Protein backbone atom coordinates (compact mmCIF):
# COMPACT_ATOMS: atom_id res chain seq x y z
CA MET A 1 73.43 -72.40 -43.53
CA GLY A 2 72.34 -69.60 -45.89
CA LYS A 3 68.88 -68.15 -46.03
CA ASN A 4 68.20 -69.70 -49.43
CA ASP A 5 69.25 -73.16 -48.18
CA TYR A 6 67.00 -72.75 -45.13
CA ASN A 7 63.97 -71.81 -47.28
CA LEU A 8 64.67 -74.73 -49.64
CA ASN A 9 64.88 -77.27 -46.80
CA ARG A 10 61.75 -75.82 -45.23
CA ARG A 11 59.82 -76.16 -48.52
CA GLN A 12 61.06 -79.74 -48.96
CA PHE A 13 60.03 -80.58 -45.40
CA LEU A 14 56.55 -79.15 -45.86
CA LYS A 15 56.20 -80.88 -49.21
CA SER A 16 57.31 -84.22 -47.75
CA GLY A 17 54.92 -83.73 -44.83
CA ALA A 18 52.01 -83.05 -47.15
CA ILE A 19 52.84 -86.16 -49.16
CA ALA A 20 53.04 -88.21 -45.96
CA VAL A 21 49.68 -86.90 -44.71
CA GLY A 22 48.11 -87.64 -48.09
CA ALA A 23 49.57 -91.13 -48.06
CA LEU A 24 48.28 -91.79 -44.55
CA ALA A 25 44.83 -90.50 -45.53
CA ALA A 26 44.82 -92.81 -48.55
CA VAL A 27 45.87 -95.75 -46.40
CA GLY A 28 43.18 -94.89 -43.85
CA ALA A 29 40.55 -94.66 -46.56
CA GLY A 30 41.75 -97.94 -48.00
CA VAL A 31 41.55 -99.66 -44.61
CA GLY A 32 38.10 -98.19 -44.07
CA TYR A 33 36.99 -99.41 -47.48
CA LEU A 34 38.39 -102.87 -46.88
CA GLN A 35 36.67 -103.03 -43.49
CA LYS A 36 33.39 -102.03 -45.13
CA VAL A 37 33.79 -104.58 -47.93
CA THR A 38 34.73 -107.29 -45.44
CA ALA A 39 31.77 -106.43 -43.22
CA GLU A 40 29.32 -106.43 -46.11
CA SER A 41 30.69 -109.71 -47.44
CA ARG A 42 30.02 -111.27 -44.03
CA ILE A 43 26.37 -110.24 -44.02
CA ASN A 44 24.29 -113.40 -44.39
CA GLN A 45 21.64 -112.54 -46.98
CA LYS A 46 20.13 -116.00 -46.55
CA PHE A 47 18.61 -115.22 -43.16
CA LEU A 48 14.84 -114.94 -43.12
CA ARG A 49 14.17 -112.12 -40.69
CA PRO A 50 10.97 -111.64 -38.63
CA PRO A 51 8.13 -109.47 -39.98
CA GLY A 52 8.88 -105.80 -40.48
CA ALA A 53 12.67 -106.16 -40.69
CA ILE A 54 14.50 -103.23 -42.28
CA ASP A 55 17.28 -103.75 -44.85
CA GLU A 56 19.84 -106.36 -43.82
CA SER A 57 22.96 -104.19 -43.76
CA THR A 58 21.27 -101.75 -41.36
CA PHE A 59 19.45 -104.46 -39.43
CA ILE A 60 22.59 -106.19 -38.16
CA TYR A 61 23.97 -102.93 -36.76
CA GLY A 62 20.69 -101.60 -35.36
CA CYS A 63 19.58 -104.81 -33.63
CA ILE A 64 20.70 -104.78 -29.98
CA LYS A 65 20.30 -108.57 -29.70
CA CYS A 66 17.95 -108.28 -26.73
CA GLY A 67 15.98 -111.40 -27.67
CA LEU A 68 12.58 -109.91 -26.79
CA CYS A 69 11.14 -111.01 -30.14
CA VAL A 70 12.28 -114.55 -29.39
CA GLN A 71 10.63 -114.55 -25.98
CA ILE A 72 7.28 -113.19 -27.14
CA CYS A 73 6.74 -115.38 -30.22
CA PRO A 74 3.90 -117.78 -29.31
CA VAL A 75 5.08 -120.54 -31.66
CA GLN A 76 8.82 -120.08 -30.93
CA ALA A 77 9.56 -119.47 -34.60
CA ILE A 78 12.31 -116.92 -33.94
CA LYS A 79 15.87 -118.02 -33.16
CA LEU A 80 19.11 -116.11 -32.56
CA ALA A 81 22.05 -116.46 -34.93
CA GLY A 82 25.13 -118.20 -33.58
CA ILE A 83 28.71 -117.05 -33.18
CA LYS A 84 29.68 -118.61 -36.53
CA ASP A 85 27.33 -116.21 -38.31
CA GLY A 86 29.76 -113.30 -38.10
CA LEU A 87 28.21 -109.86 -37.87
CA ALA A 88 24.75 -111.41 -37.61
CA TYR A 89 25.62 -113.06 -34.28
CA GLY A 90 22.76 -112.70 -31.79
CA THR A 91 20.27 -111.34 -34.33
CA PRO A 92 16.84 -112.96 -34.85
CA TYR A 93 15.97 -115.19 -37.79
CA ILE A 94 13.40 -117.84 -38.71
CA ASP A 95 14.11 -121.37 -39.95
CA VAL A 96 10.78 -122.03 -41.66
CA ARG A 97 11.37 -125.74 -42.22
CA GLU A 98 11.75 -126.17 -38.45
CA GLN A 99 9.06 -123.69 -37.37
CA ALA A 100 7.35 -121.17 -39.61
CA CYS A 101 5.72 -117.86 -38.65
CA ASP A 102 2.04 -118.82 -38.80
CA PHE A 103 0.76 -115.38 -37.71
CA SER A 104 -1.17 -117.01 -34.88
CA CYS A 105 -0.29 -114.11 -32.56
CA ASP A 106 -2.58 -111.92 -34.73
CA SER A 107 -0.84 -108.74 -33.60
CA MET A 108 2.74 -108.76 -34.86
CA GLN A 109 3.96 -109.21 -31.29
CA CYS A 110 7.60 -109.54 -32.32
CA VAL A 111 7.41 -106.20 -34.16
CA GLU A 112 5.54 -104.47 -31.35
CA THR A 113 8.06 -105.53 -28.75
CA CYS A 114 11.20 -104.51 -30.70
CA PRO A 115 12.80 -101.56 -28.81
CA THR A 116 14.97 -100.36 -31.72
CA ALA A 117 12.53 -100.34 -34.69
CA VAL A 118 14.74 -102.65 -36.77
CA LEU A 119 11.41 -104.47 -36.84
CA ASN A 120 9.38 -101.51 -38.07
CA PHE A 121 5.82 -101.40 -36.73
CA VAL A 122 4.80 -98.07 -38.33
CA GLN A 123 3.84 -99.67 -41.63
CA PHE A 124 1.54 -102.14 -39.88
CA LYS A 125 -0.01 -99.42 -37.72
CA ASP A 126 -0.79 -97.31 -40.79
CA VAL A 127 -2.37 -100.09 -42.84
CA GLY A 128 -4.32 -101.33 -39.80
CA GLU A 129 -5.78 -97.89 -39.16
CA LYS A 130 -6.72 -97.52 -42.82
CA ALA A 131 -8.47 -100.91 -42.79
CA ILE A 132 -10.54 -99.86 -39.77
CA GLU A 133 -11.48 -96.57 -41.45
CA GLU A 134 -12.69 -98.45 -44.52
CA TYR A 135 -14.62 -100.88 -42.32
CA ASP A 136 -16.27 -98.00 -40.44
CA ALA A 137 -17.48 -96.51 -43.71
CA THR A 138 -19.62 -99.58 -44.46
CA HIS A 139 -20.56 -100.97 -41.02
CA LYS A 140 -22.76 -99.71 -38.22
CA ARG A 141 -21.52 -99.70 -34.65
CA ASP A 142 -23.97 -102.27 -33.37
CA GLU A 143 -23.61 -105.64 -31.64
CA ASN A 144 -22.10 -107.13 -34.82
CA TYR A 145 -19.43 -104.44 -35.18
CA ASN A 146 -15.97 -106.04 -35.24
CA PRO A 147 -13.23 -104.39 -37.32
CA PHE A 148 -10.38 -106.38 -35.83
CA PRO A 149 -10.35 -109.36 -38.25
CA VAL A 150 -10.14 -106.87 -41.12
CA GLN A 151 -7.34 -104.98 -39.38
CA ILE A 152 -5.41 -108.17 -38.62
CA LEU A 153 -5.68 -109.46 -42.21
CA ALA A 154 -4.54 -106.09 -43.59
CA MET A 155 -1.49 -106.09 -41.30
CA LYS A 156 -0.55 -109.67 -42.19
CA SER A 157 -0.97 -109.07 -45.90
CA ILE A 158 1.77 -106.43 -46.14
CA VAL A 159 4.42 -108.57 -44.47
CA LYS A 160 7.26 -109.31 -46.88
CA MET A 161 9.82 -111.53 -45.21
CA GLY A 162 10.51 -113.34 -48.46
CA VAL A 163 8.92 -115.01 -51.47
CA ALA A 164 8.06 -118.69 -51.85
CA LYS A 165 9.56 -120.52 -54.82
CA LEU A 166 8.34 -123.89 -56.07
CA LYS A 167 10.65 -126.76 -57.00
CA PRO A 168 8.56 -128.57 -59.67
CA GLU A 169 11.01 -131.45 -60.05
CA SER A 170 10.14 -132.82 -56.61
CA CYS A 171 6.64 -131.38 -56.00
CA LEU A 172 4.03 -134.14 -55.72
CA ALA A 173 1.36 -132.05 -57.43
CA PHE A 174 3.58 -131.46 -60.46
CA GLN A 175 3.99 -135.24 -60.67
CA GLY A 176 0.23 -135.72 -60.47
CA LYS A 177 0.55 -137.41 -57.07
CA GLY A 178 -1.44 -137.10 -53.89
CA PHE A 179 -0.53 -137.47 -50.24
CA LYS A 180 -1.97 -139.44 -47.36
CA GLY A 181 -0.88 -139.16 -43.75
CA SER A 182 0.94 -136.64 -41.56
CA PRO A 183 3.18 -134.44 -43.73
CA ARG A 184 6.26 -134.33 -41.47
CA GLY A 185 5.89 -137.52 -39.46
CA SER A 186 5.06 -138.21 -35.83
CA SER A 187 8.35 -136.86 -34.45
CA PHE A 188 8.11 -133.40 -35.99
CA LYS A 189 7.77 -130.70 -33.31
CA GLY A 190 6.48 -127.78 -35.37
CA VAL A 191 3.07 -126.21 -34.71
CA ASN A 192 0.59 -124.34 -36.88
CA ARG A 193 -2.76 -122.63 -36.53
CA SER A 194 -4.47 -124.18 -39.51
CA PRO A 195 -6.98 -122.07 -41.49
CA TYR A 196 -7.95 -125.31 -43.26
CA SER A 197 -9.08 -127.12 -40.12
CA GLY A 198 -10.26 -123.99 -38.32
CA ASP A 199 -7.82 -124.23 -35.40
CA LEU A 200 -8.32 -121.55 -32.76
CA LYS A 201 -4.65 -121.77 -31.78
CA ALA A 202 -1.48 -123.38 -33.05
CA THR A 203 -1.50 -127.17 -32.73
CA PRO A 204 1.17 -129.80 -33.56
CA VAL A 205 1.66 -130.44 -37.26
CA HIS A 206 2.08 -134.16 -36.54
CA ASP A 207 -1.56 -134.27 -35.40
CA LYS A 208 -2.78 -133.15 -38.82
CA VAL A 209 -3.64 -135.98 -41.22
CA TYR A 210 -4.40 -135.52 -44.90
CA ASP A 211 -5.82 -137.64 -47.69
CA GLU A 212 -5.31 -135.64 -50.88
CA LYS A 213 -5.71 -137.05 -54.39
CA ILE A 214 -3.46 -134.25 -55.59
CA CYS A 215 -1.18 -132.81 -52.93
CA ASP A 216 -2.25 -129.26 -52.09
CA ILE A 217 -1.24 -129.02 -48.43
CA CYS A 218 0.82 -125.88 -49.00
CA VAL A 219 -2.26 -124.13 -50.41
CA LYS A 220 -4.66 -125.32 -47.71
CA GLU A 221 -2.40 -124.33 -44.84
CA CYS A 222 -1.38 -120.87 -46.11
CA PRO A 223 -2.43 -118.33 -43.44
CA ILE A 224 -2.80 -115.58 -46.05
CA GLY A 225 -5.02 -117.46 -48.49
CA ASP A 226 -5.73 -117.13 -52.18
CA THR A 227 -3.84 -113.87 -52.60
CA ALA A 228 -0.62 -115.74 -51.75
CA ILE A 229 -0.88 -119.23 -53.26
CA VAL A 230 -3.51 -121.18 -55.21
CA MET A 231 -3.92 -124.40 -57.16
CA ALA A 232 -3.77 -123.44 -60.83
CA ASP A 233 -4.44 -125.31 -64.06
CA ALA A 234 -1.13 -126.21 -65.67
CA GLY A 235 -2.74 -127.72 -68.75
CA SER A 236 -4.13 -131.15 -69.51
CA GLY A 237 -6.25 -130.83 -66.38
CA LYS A 238 -3.19 -130.88 -64.10
CA MET A 239 -3.57 -128.70 -60.99
CA VAL A 240 -0.39 -127.40 -59.39
CA PRO A 241 0.50 -124.78 -56.73
CA LYS A 242 1.12 -121.25 -57.98
CA VAL A 243 2.69 -118.55 -55.80
CA LEU A 244 1.13 -115.10 -56.19
CA ASP A 245 2.21 -111.55 -55.36
CA GLY A 246 0.46 -111.72 -51.99
CA CYS A 247 3.01 -114.22 -50.64
CA THR A 248 4.50 -112.90 -47.39
CA GLY A 249 7.32 -115.42 -47.06
CA CYS A 250 5.95 -116.72 -43.77
CA GLY A 251 7.16 -120.22 -44.64
CA VAL A 252 4.15 -122.28 -43.50
CA CYS A 253 4.11 -123.91 -46.95
CA VAL A 254 7.73 -124.99 -46.47
CA MET A 255 7.08 -126.36 -42.98
CA VAL A 256 4.14 -128.55 -44.04
CA CYS A 257 5.55 -129.77 -47.37
CA PRO A 258 5.62 -133.59 -47.13
CA THR A 259 8.56 -134.32 -49.45
CA GLU A 260 11.86 -135.22 -47.75
CA GLU A 261 13.51 -132.09 -49.11
CA PRO A 262 10.86 -129.37 -49.25
CA SER A 263 9.48 -128.81 -52.74
CA ILE A 264 8.93 -125.17 -51.95
CA ILE A 265 11.40 -122.77 -50.40
CA VAL A 266 11.36 -119.15 -49.22
CA GLU A 267 13.93 -116.72 -50.57
CA PRO A 268 14.44 -113.81 -48.13
CA VAL A 269 13.93 -110.26 -49.34
CA LYS A 270 17.19 -108.30 -49.58
CA SER A 271 15.75 -104.98 -48.45
């Protein structure tokens, strides 16, 4: 073989090798992209996560599925996703129709106990400290000094698990109807610390009996109050529920709604 032939074959070999490496890199990138697309498409954006949850795509990878938030929740609102839920398997979520987060722990226990910060407590710490500072500026440290209710309310108020959405077509109030009795029946197992009845701790929903000329149970039982949902004039003297910006997505309104299919739902936040 002549020198020119050798150099030509060598150049062809190197060129072919470069093309092959480029092709393999493209294939690898394509596989990586497809894996990413497939993974993202399997993320269940319908899950309502506990308070303080970071964005969903990061949450499912950062959560170590330890179940501590499940164990510490006093009303057992938090469940773990099943094996059919793909990448979300073993991660915590809340089914508000079955058992809502009623904030009766008063301290964001699920967030405090999370070892990975996928339930981020920093935001609650900061707003709680600010609330105490503001309280200190207007209150003396005497026997009546108690900043903790202010701190607790401030922490609850910045929760954003989701946003409640009304379904007027089935809502009793929109139909001008009232409600009498227990909203979910005697067999319902959910519990709630009712601000309406002044409960000191969560008690069974089936023990609560109402007699409302116009159904407003969702408004009365909201643990956040009139910054989250109110009865508003819809014209012609009709009073109906109206969800406000202060809604945290806790889902108590969904849990206590007396219609067979809830007339109010919570749409989870996406980030």
